[in-house]
Amino acid sequence: MFTFNIVSRIKNPTWYIGLTEMLNTMMLGNPLWKYQWLNVCDVTHTHLIILDFTDVQDNQNLPDQDALLLSMQSGYQLLVLLKSNQQHMAHELYASACSLLFVDERQFHIRNIVELSMKQRRYISPGIERCVACAPVLPLQISFTPAEKKILEGLCRGMNGVEISKMLFRSQKTISTHKRRIMLKLGVKNDYELATKIDFFQATKN
C-alpha cells in the first residue's frame, strides 16, 4: 500500500471538494494506492503541496511562505491553482519550476498530476499550455527594424503578403523573409499565432 501525501493550502472550498472527489475516484480504481491531506508543510514527507492563487492579482506580492515555496528546486512538488482569466500570472509562473493548473478547465486528469509528481516532473495543464503558447508579447519588449515595423503595420491592417509587397514596392520573397523574422522575434510558429499577437497589439493601442 502506497500513500500519496498532499498538503492543501486551498482557500476556495469548491476547488478542495473537486480535487478530493477526483482523488477518491482514482483511489477506487487503484486498490494499492491511497492519499491523505496533511496540515503541516513538510517537504521531506510530502509528495504534493497545493497553493491556491485563484484570488491573487500579482505574484510579486505573495506571502513570504508562498514565495519561498515557489523558489524550491523540486518544483514538481508544488502545484499552483489559477483561474483561466489569470493568464498574465500563468505566463510568469510558467518560467518557475512549479506545476500549474487552471481550475476552471475541463481537460485535465488528476492521475496525470499524481504520476508526474512521482516521476519528479512538473505538470502543466492543457489550458496553461495553450495560454503560454499564445501569450501576447508587448511590442515594447521587442526591437523591430524599420522594414519589419512597416510590414507589421500592414499585417495589423489585415493585409496579406501580396498587398504589403505592392504597398512597399518590395518583392514577395523579401516580405516573406521579413515576416519570418518577425515571427521568430514574437515566438510564434504559424499565421494563427501571429494573428493572435497582432490582435493583442491592436487592442493595446485602443
Foldseek 3Di string as FASTA:
>chain_A
DDEAEEEEPADDVVLVVVVVVLQVVVCVVPVVYYYDYDHDPDVVPHLAYEAECQPPQDPVPDPPVVVVLQQDPLQLRYEYEYALVNLVVLLVSVPTQHAYDHSPDDPDHVVVSNVCSVVSHHHYDPSSVVSNQLPADDPVVFDADPVLVLLLVCVLVVHDLVVSCVVVVHDSVVSVVSVVVVCVRRVHDDPVSVNSNSVVNVVVVD
